[in-house]
N, C-alpha and C. Protein backbone atom coordinates (compact mmCIF):
# COMPACT_ATOMS: atom_id res chain seq x y z
N MET A 1 40.09 -29.87 34.98
CA MET A 1 40.65 -31.05 34.65
C MET A 1 41.75 -30.73 33.52
N ASN A 2 42.75 -31.29 33.57
CA ASN A 2 44.04 -31.32 32.53
C ASN A 2 44.08 -32.53 31.76
N THR A 3 44.84 -32.63 30.49
CA THR A 3 44.97 -33.69 29.99
C THR A 3 46.47 -33.90 30.02
N LEU A 4 47.02 -35.04 30.04
CA LEU A 4 48.51 -35.32 30.21
C LEU A 4 49.35 -34.88 29.15
N ASP A 5 48.91 -34.78 27.94
CA ASP A 5 49.64 -34.06 27.01
C ASP A 5 49.93 -32.59 27.05
N LYS A 6 49.33 -32.03 27.87
CA LYS A 6 49.27 -30.33 28.02
C LYS A 6 50.38 -30.19 29.31
N LEU A 7 50.76 -31.04 29.72
CA LEU A 7 51.77 -30.63 31.13
C LEU A 7 53.19 -30.69 30.37
N ASN A 8 54.01 -29.79 31.53
CA ASN A 8 55.40 -29.66 31.29
C ASN A 8 56.29 -30.68 32.01
N ILE A 9 57.37 -30.47 31.95
CA ILE A 9 58.37 -31.52 32.44
C ILE A 9 58.37 -31.29 33.86
N GLY A 10 58.27 -31.96 34.83
CA GLY A 10 58.37 -31.63 36.30
C GLY A 10 56.95 -31.90 36.95
N ASP A 11 55.73 -31.60 35.86
CA ASP A 11 54.37 -31.59 36.55
C ASP A 11 53.97 -33.13 36.92
N LYS A 12 52.90 -33.03 37.76
CA LYS A 12 52.40 -34.30 38.24
C LYS A 12 50.91 -34.19 38.04
N ILE A 13 50.16 -35.57 37.81
CA ILE A 13 48.84 -35.48 37.52
C ILE A 13 48.14 -36.64 38.27
N LYS A 14 47.13 -36.55 39.02
CA LYS A 14 46.49 -37.70 39.40
C LYS A 14 45.44 -37.92 38.45
N VAL A 15 45.66 -39.36 37.80
CA VAL A 15 44.43 -39.88 36.74
C VAL A 15 43.16 -39.91 37.47
N LYS A 16 42.09 -39.40 36.74
CA LYS A 16 40.61 -39.15 36.99
C LYS A 16 39.95 -40.16 35.88
N ASN A 17 40.64 -39.99 34.90
CA ASN A 17 39.85 -40.76 33.64
C ASN A 17 40.32 -40.86 32.71
N ILE A 18 40.12 -42.00 31.84
CA ILE A 18 40.65 -42.36 30.44
C ILE A 18 39.36 -42.35 29.71
N GLU A 19 39.66 -41.87 28.56
CA GLU A 19 38.55 -41.69 27.61
C GLU A 19 38.07 -43.23 27.17
N ARG A 20 36.71 -43.54 27.41
CA ARG A 20 36.23 -44.63 27.45
C ARG A 20 36.06 -45.18 25.57
N ASP A 21 36.29 -44.13 24.76
CA ASP A 21 36.03 -44.49 23.38
C ASP A 21 37.35 -44.75 22.60
N SER A 22 38.71 -44.49 23.66
CA SER A 22 39.89 -44.40 22.92
C SER A 22 40.36 -45.87 22.81
N ALA A 23 41.15 -45.79 21.34
CA ALA A 23 41.41 -47.08 21.04
C ALA A 23 42.52 -47.59 21.86
N VAL A 24 43.41 -46.86 22.47
CA VAL A 24 44.39 -47.10 23.44
C VAL A 24 44.04 -47.27 24.76
N ARG A 25 42.85 -47.09 25.30
CA ARG A 25 42.21 -47.38 26.71
C ARG A 25 42.90 -48.61 27.13
N ARG A 26 42.78 -49.93 26.51
CA ARG A 26 43.11 -51.22 27.14
C ARG A 26 44.64 -51.28 27.28
N LYS A 27 45.27 -50.69 26.32
CA LYS A 27 46.43 -50.68 26.24
C LYS A 27 47.41 -49.92 27.70
N LEU A 28 46.42 -48.52 27.84
CA LEU A 28 47.16 -47.83 29.20
C LEU A 28 46.89 -48.54 30.24
N LEU A 29 45.79 -49.03 30.46
CA LEU A 29 45.30 -49.72 31.44
C LEU A 29 46.27 -51.02 31.89
N ASP A 30 46.48 -51.71 30.85
CA ASP A 30 47.68 -52.59 30.99
C ASP A 30 49.02 -52.23 31.64
N MET A 31 49.08 -51.15 31.04
CA MET A 31 50.71 -50.58 31.42
C MET A 31 50.72 -49.83 32.95
N GLY A 32 49.56 -50.08 33.62
CA GLY A 32 49.55 -49.60 35.09
C GLY A 32 48.76 -48.23 35.06
N ILE A 33 48.42 -47.62 33.94
CA ILE A 33 47.67 -46.15 34.17
C ILE A 33 46.31 -46.26 34.60
N THR A 34 45.99 -46.31 35.74
CA THR A 34 44.41 -46.39 36.06
C THR A 34 44.09 -45.46 36.82
N PRO A 35 42.86 -44.76 37.12
CA PRO A 35 42.57 -44.09 37.72
C PRO A 35 42.82 -44.12 39.20
N GLY A 36 43.56 -43.21 39.73
CA GLY A 36 43.76 -42.86 41.02
C GLY A 36 45.43 -42.90 41.16
N VAL A 37 46.11 -43.20 39.98
CA VAL A 37 47.63 -43.28 40.26
C VAL A 37 48.05 -42.03 39.73
N GLU A 38 49.31 -41.51 40.32
CA GLU A 38 50.22 -40.30 39.80
C GLU A 38 50.67 -40.37 39.10
N ILE A 39 50.94 -39.56 38.04
CA ILE A 39 51.61 -39.48 36.93
C ILE A 39 52.76 -38.38 36.84
N GLU A 40 54.12 -38.44 36.75
CA GLU A 40 54.98 -37.27 36.37
C GLU A 40 55.65 -37.15 35.14
N VAL A 41 55.44 -36.19 34.48
CA VAL A 41 56.03 -35.86 33.45
C VAL A 41 57.68 -35.61 33.69
N THR A 42 58.57 -36.62 33.05
CA THR A 42 59.89 -36.58 33.08
C THR A 42 60.69 -36.24 32.09
N GLY A 43 60.36 -35.97 30.87
CA GLY A 43 60.61 -35.54 29.49
C GLY A 43 59.87 -35.40 28.50
N LYS A 44 60.35 -34.87 27.45
CA LYS A 44 59.68 -34.56 26.17
C LYS A 44 60.63 -34.30 24.94
N ALA A 45 60.23 -35.08 23.96
CA ALA A 45 61.10 -34.53 22.71
C ALA A 45 61.17 -33.05 22.40
N PRO A 46 61.85 -32.83 21.47
CA PRO A 46 62.01 -31.40 21.23
C PRO A 46 60.98 -31.04 20.70
N MET A 47 60.02 -31.43 19.85
CA MET A 47 58.86 -31.50 19.06
C MET A 47 57.49 -31.53 19.99
N GLY A 48 57.76 -32.10 21.10
CA GLY A 48 56.77 -32.47 22.08
C GLY A 48 56.10 -33.84 22.22
N ASP A 49 56.56 -34.72 21.13
CA ASP A 49 56.05 -35.86 21.00
C ASP A 49 56.98 -36.86 20.47
N PRO A 50 57.55 -37.79 21.35
CA PRO A 50 56.44 -38.29 22.64
C PRO A 50 57.12 -37.86 23.68
N LEU A 51 56.32 -38.36 24.91
CA LEU A 51 56.78 -37.51 26.25
C LEU A 51 56.93 -38.93 27.13
N GLU A 52 57.80 -38.82 27.96
CA GLU A 52 58.45 -39.85 28.92
C GLU A 52 57.68 -39.24 30.22
N VAL A 53 57.23 -40.41 30.92
CA VAL A 53 56.36 -40.27 32.20
C VAL A 53 56.82 -41.13 33.24
N LEU A 54 56.89 -40.96 34.57
CA LEU A 54 57.14 -41.83 35.47
C LEU A 54 55.97 -42.21 36.06
N VAL A 55 55.53 -43.62 36.07
CA VAL A 55 54.22 -43.93 36.57
C VAL A 55 54.77 -45.49 37.54
N ARG A 56 54.16 -45.52 38.72
CA ARG A 56 54.38 -46.65 39.68
C ARG A 56 55.77 -47.01 39.57
N GLY A 57 56.83 -46.09 39.60
CA GLY A 57 58.31 -46.50 39.70
C GLY A 57 58.50 -46.73 38.26
N TYR A 58 58.26 -46.89 37.32
CA TYR A 58 59.09 -46.96 36.21
C TYR A 58 58.93 -45.99 34.97
N LYS A 59 59.57 -45.55 34.09
CA LYS A 59 59.35 -44.95 33.04
C LYS A 59 58.78 -45.28 31.91
N LEU A 60 58.11 -44.48 31.40
CA LEU A 60 57.22 -44.93 30.14
C LEU A 60 57.15 -44.00 29.09
N THR A 61 57.24 -44.20 27.82
CA THR A 61 57.16 -43.51 26.82
C THR A 61 55.84 -43.31 26.14
N LEU A 62 55.22 -42.32 25.88
CA LEU A 62 53.70 -41.92 25.41
C LEU A 62 53.81 -41.49 24.45
N ARG A 63 52.96 -41.39 23.32
CA ARG A 63 52.78 -40.56 21.99
C ARG A 63 51.85 -39.65 22.58
N LYS A 64 51.94 -38.32 21.74
CA LYS A 64 50.75 -37.36 22.17
C LYS A 64 49.36 -37.78 22.14
N ASN A 65 49.15 -38.42 21.18
CA ASN A 65 47.56 -38.91 20.92
C ASN A 65 47.25 -40.16 22.13
N GLU A 66 48.05 -40.58 22.63
CA GLU A 66 47.82 -41.56 23.87
C GLU A 66 47.92 -40.52 25.03
N ALA A 67 48.70 -39.74 25.56
CA ALA A 67 48.51 -38.75 26.41
C ALA A 67 47.30 -38.13 26.39
N LYS A 68 46.61 -37.80 25.47
CA LYS A 68 45.77 -36.91 25.22
C LYS A 68 44.31 -37.38 25.93
N VAL A 69 44.08 -38.76 25.89
CA VAL A 69 43.04 -39.32 26.48
C VAL A 69 43.03 -39.46 27.83
N ILE A 70 44.14 -39.17 28.72
CA ILE A 70 44.51 -39.47 29.90
C ILE A 70 43.89 -37.90 30.72
N SER A 71 42.95 -37.64 31.56
CA SER A 71 42.71 -36.55 32.25
C SER A 71 42.76 -36.54 33.65
N GLY A 72 43.10 -35.58 34.26
CA GLY A 72 43.04 -35.54 36.14
C GLY A 72 43.54 -34.22 36.44
N GLU A 73 43.74 -34.35 37.67
CA GLU A 73 44.00 -32.87 38.25
C GLU A 73 45.26 -32.96 39.13
């Protein structure tokens, strides 16, 4: 399993888990990032934070600490 923060531009991941103890878990679920959904990394800032992802047909910008709690394959 990989975490979203380790992917490169163009990579896709199917969400398997969002850490239960994460402070941003509820926020991510409300934004449509749920287990089973596919996420594609569409852009990254020069230093890698934040990163832009495509999820459910819309683009979303996530901080690296938020992307770190999303894992999948």
